[in-house]
Amino acid sequence: MRVTWIDMADRPAHHLHGQAVEITGWPTRIDPEDSNAPQAITEEPACCGGCLPVDPSRFIMLATDLPAQLEAAPLCVSGILRRRDEDGSWYWEIQPTSIRPAIANESVIAPGFTRRGMLAAGLAAGLASWIPAAISQAAPSLADIDAAREWLTGHTTMDLHSHGGAVTTSRSGNRTRPFVPLADPMRSGRMAVICLAVVADRIATRVEERRIRTVREPEPGELYAYIHDAFTRLHELVQNQQLGIVTDAKSLLAASASTPAVIVSSEGADFLEGKIERVDEAFERWQMRCLQLTHYRVNELGDIQTEPAVHDGLTDFGAAVIQRCNRLGIVVDVAHGTYDLVKRAATVSDKPLILSHTALNPQPSRYSRTINPDHARLIAATGGVIGIWPPASSFPTLTALAEGMARMVDVVGVDHVGLGTDMLGLISPAILNSYEQLPDLAAALSAHGFGKDETLKLLGGNLQRVFLACLP
């Protein structure tokens, strides 16, 4: 019996139990750092390993481990479906009899959609992260990549969101683990500037209940103390790699692939702990020039995509923080924030906003990190930029990533899309995991039909415009 995720949601309880079914989904491992951890398939690509939907009708645990070669693309799974009840909660499990890639002439390329049905319904332009490599153009040739490298040389390429160099501290605040090369891959790949982010809520979050979430409420002052360690490590990395730091428009314009630089960023404003003067402190002491309001913890600024709403969007304190950032010259990042948060942020800010790492999805499921077209248009309306990220579960090839960027361009225009790699921040496989691959992505964008000027906009020009509009 062929079933869809709509079937699972509409009739979640009894009649499918014990039935032989076939369903298409995206593979994920419950704990990506543990090769023996259970695996599941989900209705849509997980934003990162460990992030299963809260709704148990939106994922199915696998009773058999997947072969490694099948862990990064949509799968068609056949087998016996069973409902498991444990400690008052329940989930679906399937004992597979057949697992195959969901890439064929009439395979399901998005949950509930066949290629023919999708095209007939006129939905092709909107299904960004669900289009697999099978319908992509051919991979670019080496000559194309060499040409793309020349395109990038001398231009300000930029990454909206990165944890490159292993900048992130441990959850205990340990800063002793070694850095990994950052400056050399940036030079080799012609990446001029990255928004290098510490993680503000890291000590309060874990992979729990099949997704990343807050596991405890920090003590007063604990997040503030932690961010000092995190920013200290970032500056140690910058010194270790002999990178520049962008603090104003002049230093941004001076950055290049031969003299790469970072923009000090924080993923989450949790360290403020309700004290707006700490925005000024981070600006002056740590040279922070990009602030993401929320992450995986519902903080004092507003609601997040991966938890139930508490504040109905952006709080008054969050609005005040945006205004303070506008005044100082800090770019505001609304990644991880809810649609309602972004709606109010767009009315509050008098500067362009960015949404640094996501992908387009016509109908995101509850707690998805992807965004719908209206969400994207809010960012574009501020003059801002949306960064497309590279999880292999969403984009199994660089050609597919280029297609994902193109679909966002179809919605908001070429002036409002960029690249947000989340470098070393994704705990699931990434299709772009080194800046040395940037020319390959540029070649893929060219093969998709983007000209030189458009490609340079997508790979940095758009973000440079936003920062020049905001920086002192």
Protein backbone atom coordinates (compact mmCIF):
# COMPACT_ATOMS: atom_id res chain seq x y z
CA MET A 1 0.00 0.00 0.00
CA ARG A 2 1.44 3.34 -1.07
CA VAL A 3 0.95 5.97 1.68
CA THR A 4 1.84 9.64 1.94
CA TRP A 5 2.61 11.82 4.93
CA ILE A 6 -0.86 13.29 4.54
CA ASP A 7 -2.23 9.81 5.18
CA MET A 8 -0.05 9.55 8.27
CA ALA A 9 -1.29 12.87 9.62
CA ASP A 10 -4.97 12.45 8.78
CA ARG A 11 -5.31 8.90 10.07
CA PRO A 12 -2.46 8.52 12.56
CA ALA A 13 -3.72 5.89 14.97
CA HIS A 14 -4.73 2.35 14.14
CA HIS A 15 -5.59 1.21 10.63
CA LEU A 16 -1.99 1.35 9.30
CA HIS A 17 -0.57 -0.71 12.17
CA GLY A 18 0.80 -4.01 10.87
CA GLN A 19 0.25 -3.05 7.22
CA ALA A 20 2.76 -3.45 4.41
CA VAL A 21 3.33 0.10 3.16
CA GLU A 22 5.58 2.12 0.89
CA ILE A 23 6.47 5.73 1.74
CA THR A 24 9.07 8.27 0.71
CA GLY A 25 10.99 10.32 3.25
CA TRP A 26 14.32 11.90 4.19
CA PRO A 27 16.82 9.96 6.31
CA THR A 28 18.27 11.30 9.54
CA ARG A 29 20.13 9.86 12.51
CA ILE A 30 18.83 10.66 16.00
CA ASP A 31 22.33 11.48 17.27
CA PRO A 32 24.67 12.18 14.33
CA GLU A 33 27.73 11.90 16.58
CA ASP A 34 26.87 8.28 17.42
CA SER A 35 27.16 5.90 14.48
CA ASN A 36 25.05 3.36 16.37
CA ALA A 37 22.18 5.77 17.09
CA PRO A 38 18.75 4.92 15.64
CA GLN A 39 17.73 6.28 12.27
CA ALA A 40 14.44 7.57 10.93
CA ILE A 41 12.83 8.99 7.82
CA THR A 42 10.99 12.31 8.00
CA GLU A 43 8.38 14.16 5.99
CA GLU A 44 10.90 16.82 4.92
CA PRO A 45 14.66 17.24 5.25
CA ALA A 46 15.79 17.78 8.83
CA CYS A 47 17.63 21.06 9.42
CA CYS A 48 20.35 19.05 11.16
CA GLY A 49 20.83 15.65 12.69
CA GLY A 50 18.78 15.10 15.79
CA CYS A 51 16.00 17.48 14.75
CA LEU A 52 13.01 15.20 14.29
CA PRO A 53 9.53 16.71 14.15
CA VAL A 54 7.62 16.88 17.42
CA ASP A 55 4.51 15.47 15.72
CA PRO A 56 4.98 11.65 15.75
CA SER A 57 3.01 11.32 12.51
CA ARG A 58 5.78 13.22 10.72
CA PHE A 59 8.59 10.70 11.20
CA ILE A 60 9.05 6.93 11.12
CA MET A 61 11.81 5.15 13.03
CA LEU A 62 13.73 2.54 11.04
CA ALA A 63 14.18 -0.92 12.58
CA THR A 64 17.14 -1.53 10.22
CA ASP A 65 20.21 0.67 9.88
CA LEU A 66 20.73 2.35 6.50
CA PRO A 67 23.76 1.75 4.31
CA ALA A 68 26.03 4.82 4.45
CA GLN A 69 25.48 5.60 0.77
CA LEU A 70 21.75 6.10 1.39
CA GLU A 71 22.01 8.60 4.25
CA ALA A 72 21.93 11.88 2.30
CA ALA A 73 19.07 11.71 -0.20
CA PRO A 74 15.33 10.97 -0.21
CA LEU A 75 14.41 7.30 0.08
CA CYS A 76 11.49 5.09 -0.85
CA VAL A 77 11.00 2.62 2.00
CA SER A 78 8.78 -0.45 1.88
CA GLY A 79 8.01 -2.62 4.89
CA ILE A 80 5.74 -3.42 7.78
CA LEU A 81 4.58 -0.33 9.68
CA ARG A 82 3.96 -0.61 13.42
CA ARG A 83 2.86 1.83 16.08
CA ARG A 84 5.05 1.78 19.20
CA ASP A 85 3.78 3.07 22.54
CA GLU A 86 6.28 3.98 25.26
CA ASP A 87 5.74 5.80 28.56
CA GLY A 88 2.57 7.51 27.43
CA SER A 89 3.94 8.61 24.04
CA TRP A 90 3.99 6.85 20.69
CA TYR A 91 5.82 6.77 17.39
CA TRP A 92 5.80 4.84 14.12
CA GLU A 93 8.43 2.23 13.28
CA ILE A 94 8.94 0.38 10.02
CA GLN A 95 10.71 -2.93 9.46
CA PRO A 96 12.01 -2.36 5.93
CA THR A 97 11.79 -5.03 3.27
CA SER A 98 13.10 -2.66 0.59
CA ILE A 99 14.98 0.66 0.68
CA ARG A 100 15.87 2.45 -2.51
CA PRO A 101 16.73 6.03 -3.58
CA ALA A 102 13.60 8.00 -4.44
CA ILE A 103 15.09 9.24 -7.68
CA ALA A 104 13.49 7.77 -10.79
CA ASN A 105 11.27 8.90 -13.62
CA GLU A 106 8.11 8.70 -11.54
CA SER A 107 9.56 8.60 -8.03
CA VAL A 108 8.26 10.83 -5.29
CA ILE A 109 10.64 13.77 -5.07
CA ALA A 110 8.75 15.51 -2.32
CA PRO A 111 6.51 13.88 0.25
CA GLY A 112 3.13 13.45 -1.40
CA PHE A 113 4.24 14.68 -4.84
CA THR A 114 5.34 12.88 -7.99
CA ARG A 115 7.36 14.77 -10.56
CA ARG A 116 4.52 14.58 -13.10
CA GLY A 117 1.92 15.62 -10.53
CA MET A 118 4.07 18.45 -9.26
CA LEU A 119 4.61 19.89 -12.70
CA ALA A 120 0.94 19.50 -13.55
CA ALA A 121 0.05 21.41 -10.42
CA GLY A 122 2.45 24.22 -11.31
CA LEU A 123 4.46 23.79 -8.12
CA ALA A 124 7.92 23.27 -9.57
CA ALA A 125 9.14 26.81 -8.95
CA GLY A 126 8.31 26.64 -5.27
CA LEU A 127 9.76 23.30 -4.23
CA ALA A 128 13.25 24.54 -3.43
CA SER A 129 14.94 22.07 -1.18
CA TRP A 130 13.01 19.05 -2.44
CA ILE A 131 14.42 18.86 -5.99
CA PRO A 132 17.09 16.13 -6.12
CA ALA A 133 20.14 15.82 -8.29
CA ALA A 134 18.37 13.53 -10.78
CA ILE A 135 16.66 16.49 -12.44
CA SER A 136 19.68 18.78 -12.15
CA GLN A 137 21.87 19.84 -15.01
CA ALA A 138 25.16 18.05 -15.55
CA ALA A 139 27.98 18.77 -13.12
CA PRO A 140 30.21 21.64 -14.30
CA SER A 141 33.49 20.76 -16.01
CA LEU A 142 36.91 21.54 -14.56
CA ALA A 143 37.28 24.31 -17.15
CA ASP A 144 34.04 25.87 -15.87
CA ILE A 145 35.35 25.72 -12.30
CA ASP A 146 38.61 27.40 -13.32
CA ALA A 147 36.62 30.10 -15.07
CA ALA A 148 34.42 30.49 -11.98
CA ARG A 149 37.52 30.90 -9.81
CA GLU A 150 38.58 33.75 -12.08
CA TRP A 151 35.13 35.29 -11.74
CA LEU A 152 35.49 35.33 -7.97
CA THR A 153 39.02 36.71 -7.88
CA GLY A 154 39.09 40.34 -6.83
CA HIS A 155 35.45 40.43 -5.69
CA THR A 156 34.00 40.47 -2.16
CA THR A 157 32.55 37.03 -1.68
CA MET A 158 30.75 36.54 1.64
CA ASP A 159 29.18 33.81 3.78
CA LEU A 160 26.14 34.85 5.83
CA HIS A 161 26.73 32.29 8.60
CA SER A 162 29.75 30.20 9.62
CA HIS A 163 31.34 28.40 12.55
CA GLY A 164 34.50 27.83 10.51
CA GLY A 165 37.83 27.02 12.08
CA ALA A 166 36.05 25.10 14.86
CA VAL A 167 35.33 28.37 16.61
CA THR A 168 32.48 26.96 18.72
CA THR A 169 33.37 26.20 22.34
CA SER A 170 32.21 23.08 24.13
CA ARG A 171 29.06 23.28 26.19
CA SER A 172 31.27 23.48 29.29
CA GLY A 173 33.04 26.52 27.86
CA ASN A 174 36.28 24.60 27.17
CA ARG A 175 38.43 26.63 24.77
CA THR A 176 41.34 24.20 24.55
CA ARG A 177 40.33 22.05 21.58
CA PRO A 178 42.44 22.79 18.50
CA PHE A 179 41.38 25.07 15.70
CA VAL A 180 41.19 23.78 12.13
CA PRO A 181 42.50 25.71 9.10
CA LEU A 182 40.25 28.56 8.03
CA ALA A 183 42.31 31.27 6.31
CA ASP A 184 43.96 28.95 3.76
CA PRO A 185 40.67 27.37 2.54
CA MET A 186 39.19 30.87 2.29
CA ARG A 187 42.10 32.05 0.15
CA SER A 188 42.06 28.92 -1.99
CA GLY A 189 38.31 29.13 -2.62
CA ARG A 190 38.27 32.93 -3.04
CA MET A 191 36.08 33.53 0.03
CA ALA A 192 36.77 37.05 1.26
CA VAL A 193 34.53 37.55 4.32
CA ILE A 194 32.55 35.25 6.60
CA CYS A 195 30.09 36.03 9.37
CA LEU A 196 31.84 33.96 12.05
CA ALA A 197 29.38 33.07 14.79
CA VAL A 198 29.64 31.99 18.40
CA VAL A 199 26.64 30.10 19.79
CA ALA A 200 25.04 32.03 22.64
CA ASP A 201 22.76 29.32 24.09
CA ARG A 202 25.03 26.30 23.69
CA ILE A 203 25.37 25.50 27.42
CA ALA A 204 21.57 25.25 27.76
CA THR A 205 20.77 22.98 24.79
CA ARG A 206 21.11 19.30 23.93
CA VAL A 207 19.82 16.81 21.39
CA GLU A 208 16.79 15.59 23.31
CA GLU A 209 13.44 14.11 22.35
CA ARG A 210 14.80 13.70 18.83
CA ARG A 211 15.67 17.39 18.28
CA ILE A 212 17.88 20.20 19.58
CA ARG A 213 16.15 22.00 22.41
CA THR A 214 16.67 23.74 25.73
CA VAL A 215 17.23 21.26 28.56
CA ARG A 216 17.67 23.66 31.46
CA GLU A 217 17.21 27.30 32.33
CA PRO A 218 20.63 28.92 32.88
CA GLU A 219 21.44 30.65 36.14
CA PRO A 220 21.46 34.48 36.10
CA GLY A 221 24.71 35.65 34.57
CA GLU A 222 25.66 32.19 33.27
CA LEU A 223 25.00 32.94 29.60
CA TYR A 224 26.78 36.27 29.94
CA ALA A 225 29.86 34.55 31.37
CA TYR A 226 29.74 31.89 28.68
CA ILE A 227 29.66 34.41 25.84
CA HIS A 228 32.87 35.96 27.16
CA ASP A 229 34.59 32.59 26.73
CA ALA A 230 33.01 32.15 23.30
CA PHE A 231 34.05 35.58 22.02
CA THR A 232 37.51 35.11 23.50
CA ARG A 233 37.93 31.89 21.54
CA LEU A 234 36.72 33.61 18.36
CA HIS A 235 39.36 36.32 18.74
CA GLU A 236 41.99 33.68 19.46
CA LEU A 237 41.04 31.94 16.20
CA VAL A 238 41.24 35.21 14.28
CA GLN A 239 44.72 35.86 15.66
CA ASN A 240 45.80 32.26 15.09
CA GLN A 241 44.73 32.39 11.44
CA GLN A 242 45.88 36.00 10.91
CA LEU A 243 42.47 37.09 9.69
CA GLY A 244 41.13 40.60 9.58
CA ILE A 245 38.05 41.78 11.47
CA VAL A 246 35.42 43.88 9.72
CA THR A 247 34.33 46.72 11.98
CA ASP A 248 33.22 49.40 9.51
CA ALA A 249 32.54 50.02 5.84
CA LYS A 250 36.19 50.79 5.13
CA SER A 251 37.45 47.48 6.51
CA LEU A 252 34.73 45.59 4.63
CA LEU A 253 35.75 47.16 1.34
CA ALA A 254 39.41 46.35 2.08
CA ALA A 255 38.77 42.62 2.62
CA SER A 256 39.60 40.25 -0.22
CA ALA A 257 40.31 36.58 -0.85
CA SER A 258 44.02 37.30 -0.46
CA THR A 259 43.42 39.12 2.83
CA PRO A 260 40.30 37.38 4.21
CA ALA A 261 38.36 38.71 7.17
CA VAL A 262 35.56 37.83 9.56
CA ILE A 263 32.50 39.65 10.83
CA VAL A 264 32.13 38.85 14.53
CA SER A 265 28.65 37.39 14.98
CA SER A 266 26.55 35.79 17.69
CA GLU A 267 24.01 33.06 16.99
CA GLY A 268 21.46 34.09 19.59
CA ALA A 269 21.22 37.15 21.81
CA ASP A 270 20.72 35.07 24.97
CA PHE A 271 23.76 36.64 26.64
CA LEU A 272 21.91 39.95 26.90
CA GLU A 273 19.70 38.43 29.63
CA GLY A 274 17.31 41.34 29.21
CA LYS A 275 20.02 44.03 29.51
CA ILE A 276 20.17 46.14 26.39
CA GLU A 277 23.43 47.85 27.37
CA ARG A 278 25.19 44.56 26.64
CA VAL A 279 24.57 45.18 22.93
CA ASP A 280 26.86 48.20 23.21
CA GLU A 281 29.41 46.17 25.17
CA ALA A 282 29.51 43.43 22.52
CA PHE A 283 29.87 46.08 19.82
CA GLU A 284 32.75 47.84 21.54
CA ARG A 285 34.58 45.08 23.43
CA TRP A 286 34.13 42.15 21.06
CA GLN A 287 33.65 44.06 17.78
CA MET A 288 30.36 42.25 17.12
CA ARG A 289 28.73 43.46 13.92
CA CYS A 290 26.04 40.81 13.37
CA LEU A 291 23.50 39.61 15.93
CA GLN A 292 21.08 36.72 15.43
CA LEU A 293 18.19 37.36 17.81
CA THR A 294 17.25 33.76 18.64
CA HIS A 295 18.60 30.23 18.32
CA TYR A 296 17.31 27.00 19.96
CA ARG A 297 16.17 28.64 23.19
CA VAL A 298 13.09 30.83 23.54
CA ASN A 299 14.79 33.90 24.99
CA GLU A 300 13.77 37.41 26.04
CA LEU A 301 13.67 38.62 22.44
CA GLY A 302 11.08 36.33 20.88
CA ASP A 303 9.84 32.99 19.60
CA ILE A 304 11.72 30.35 17.63
CA GLN A 305 10.68 28.07 14.78
CA THR A 306 11.47 24.85 16.64
CA GLU A 307 9.39 25.36 19.80
CA PRO A 308 5.80 26.42 20.61
CA ALA A 309 5.27 30.18 20.57
CA VAL A 310 5.48 31.96 23.92
CA HIS A 311 5.68 35.65 23.00
CA ASP A 312 3.48 35.85 19.87
CA GLY A 313 6.58 36.78 17.89
CA LEU A 314 9.06 39.53 18.70
CA THR A 315 8.95 41.00 22.21
CA ASP A 316 9.20 44.68 23.08
CA PHE A 317 12.73 43.98 24.32
CA GLY A 318 13.53 42.32 21.00
CA ALA A 319 12.23 45.39 19.17
CA ALA A 320 14.42 47.64 21.35
CA VAL A 321 17.45 45.46 20.59
CA ILE A 322 16.84 45.77 16.85
CA GLN A 323 16.64 49.53 17.16
CA ARG A 324 19.85 49.62 19.19
CA CYS A 325 21.59 47.49 16.57
CA ASN A 326 20.36 49.83 13.83
CA ARG A 327 21.82 52.80 15.70
CA LEU A 328 25.19 51.20 16.43
CA GLY A 329 25.75 49.57 13.05
CA ILE A 330 25.04 45.89 13.79
CA VAL A 331 23.28 43.78 11.16
CA VAL A 332 20.25 41.96 12.58
CA ASP A 333 19.80 38.29 11.68
CA VAL A 334 16.32 36.78 12.16
CA ALA A 335 17.28 33.15 11.44
CA HIS A 336 15.49 30.66 13.72
CA GLY A 337 12.81 33.28 14.49
CA THR A 338 9.15 32.58 13.78
CA TYR A 339 7.23 34.14 10.94
CA ASP A 340 5.46 36.37 13.48
CA LEU A 341 8.81 37.47 14.89
CA VAL A 342 10.02 38.38 11.42
CA LYS A 343 6.80 40.26 10.62
CA ARG A 344 7.29 42.61 13.57
CA ALA A 345 11.06 42.84 13.07
CA ALA A 346 10.48 44.04 9.51
CA THR A 347 8.30 46.88 10.78
CA VAL A 348 10.67 47.83 13.59
CA SER A 349 13.98 47.87 11.72
CA ASP A 350 14.97 50.82 9.59
CA LYS A 351 17.89 48.81 8.16
CA PRO A 352 17.89 45.67 5.99
CA LEU A 353 17.48 42.34 7.81
CA ILE A 354 19.18 39.06 6.98
CA LEU A 355 17.94 35.51 7.49
CA SER A 356 21.28 33.78 7.36
CA HIS A 357 20.69 30.04 6.86
CA THR A 358 17.55 28.30 5.65
CA ALA A 359 15.86 27.01 2.47
CA LEU A 360 12.58 27.60 0.67
CA ASN A 361 9.63 25.32 1.40
CA PRO A 362 6.09 25.95 0.11
CA GLN A 363 4.53 24.38 3.22
CA PRO A 364 6.97 23.96 6.10
CA SER A 365 5.85 21.49 8.73
CA ARG A 366 5.51 22.53 12.34
CA TYR A 367 8.93 23.33 13.86
CA SER A 368 10.67 23.26 10.48
CA ARG A 369 13.68 25.53 9.98
CA THR A 370 12.70 26.15 6.36
CA ILE A 371 10.61 29.16 5.33
CA ASN A 372 7.68 29.73 2.99
CA PRO A 373 7.60 32.35 0.20
CA ASP A 374 5.78 34.99 2.30
CA HIS A 375 8.39 34.63 5.06
CA ALA A 376 11.11 35.14 2.45
CA ARG A 377 9.39 38.19 0.95
CA LEU A 378 9.35 39.89 4.35
CA ILE A 379 13.15 39.84 4.39
CA ALA A 380 13.42 41.02 0.80
CA ALA A 381 11.04 43.90 1.50
CA THR A 382 13.53 45.33 4.01
CA GLY A 383 16.23 45.23 1.36
CA GLY A 384 17.75 42.21 3.07
CA VAL A 385 19.24 38.86 2.09
CA ILE A 386 18.29 35.21 2.70
CA GLY A 387 21.13 32.71 2.97
CA ILE A 388 20.60 29.24 1.50
CA TRP A 389 22.34 26.51 3.47
CA PRO A 390 23.85 23.19 2.23
CA PRO A 391 22.58 20.16 4.22
CA ALA A 392 23.08 17.11 2.01
CA SER A 393 19.62 15.92 3.06
CA SER A 394 18.19 18.95 1.27
CA PHE A 395 20.74 19.39 -1.52
CA PRO A 396 22.63 16.19 -2.36
CA THR A 397 24.92 17.95 -4.88
CA LEU A 398 26.29 21.44 -5.42
CA THR A 399 24.16 21.55 -8.57
CA ALA A 400 21.09 20.92 -6.40
CA LEU A 401 22.24 23.69 -4.03
CA ALA A 402 22.49 26.06 -6.98
CA GLU A 403 18.93 25.06 -7.95
CA GLY A 404 17.78 25.74 -4.40
CA MET A 405 19.29 29.22 -4.58
CA ALA A 406 17.61 29.74 -7.96
CA ARG A 407 14.21 28.86 -6.55
CA MET A 408 14.62 31.43 -3.80
CA VAL A 409 15.60 33.92 -6.52
CA ASP A 410 12.34 33.09 -8.30
CA VAL A 411 10.47 34.21 -5.17
CA VAL A 412 12.41 37.28 -3.98
CA GLY A 413 14.69 38.30 -6.83
CA VAL A 414 18.42 37.95 -7.44
CA ASP A 415 19.26 40.91 -5.17
CA HIS A 416 18.01 39.18 -2.03
CA VAL A 417 19.63 35.72 -1.98
CA GLY A 418 23.01 34.63 -0.67
CA LEU A 419 24.97 31.70 0.75
CA GLY A 420 24.78 30.74 4.42
CA THR A 421 27.01 27.69 4.81
CA ASP A 422 26.63 27.10 8.57
CA MET A 423 30.20 25.81 8.16
CA LEU A 424 31.02 23.25 10.90
CA GLY A 425 27.68 24.03 12.50
CA LEU A 426 25.59 21.40 10.78
CA ILE A 427 25.75 18.11 12.61
CA SER A 428 24.38 16.26 9.61
CA PRO A 429 26.40 15.91 6.37
CA ALA A 430 26.83 19.09 4.32
CA ILE A 431 27.35 19.20 0.58
CA LEU A 432 29.54 22.30 0.98
CA ASN A 433 31.96 21.67 3.83
CA SER A 434 35.03 23.67 2.77
CA TYR A 435 35.47 27.13 1.31
CA GLU A 436 37.68 25.52 -1.30
CA GLN A 437 34.41 24.41 -2.95
CA LEU A 438 33.19 27.96 -3.60
CA PRO A 439 34.37 28.01 -7.26
CA ASP A 440 32.52 24.71 -7.79
CA LEU A 441 29.32 26.33 -6.53
CA ALA A 442 29.94 29.37 -8.72
CA ALA A 443 30.32 27.07 -11.71
CA ALA A 444 27.08 25.29 -10.79
CA LEU A 445 25.26 28.65 -10.60
CA SER A 446 26.68 29.56 -14.00
CA ALA A 447 25.55 26.22 -15.42
CA HIS A 448 22.09 26.95 -14.08
CA GLY A 449 21.97 30.16 -16.13
CA PHE A 450 23.22 32.87 -13.82
CA GLY A 451 25.60 35.36 -15.43
CA LYS A 452 28.81 36.59 -13.85
CA ASP A 453 27.25 39.66 -12.21
CA GLU A 454 24.34 37.63 -10.83
CA THR A 455 26.65 34.92 -9.47
CA LEU A 456 28.79 37.55 -7.74
CA LYS A 457 25.65 39.00 -6.16
CA LEU A 458 24.58 35.59 -4.85
CA LEU A 459 28.03 34.76 -3.48
CA GLY A 460 28.65 38.02 -1.67
CA GLY A 461 27.59 41.17 -3.46
CA ASN A 462 24.11 41.21 -1.96
CA LEU A 463 25.40 40.73 1.58
CA GLN A 464 28.09 43.36 1.08
CA ARG A 465 25.35 45.83 0.13
CA VAL A 466 23.45 45.07 3.36
CA PHE A 467 26.51 45.51 5.54
CA LEU A 468 27.52 48.73 3.81
CA ALA A 469 24.03 50.04 4.56
CA CYS A 470 24.38 49.17 8.25
CA LEU A 471 28.01 49.43 9.32
CA PRO A 472 29.45 52.65 10.75
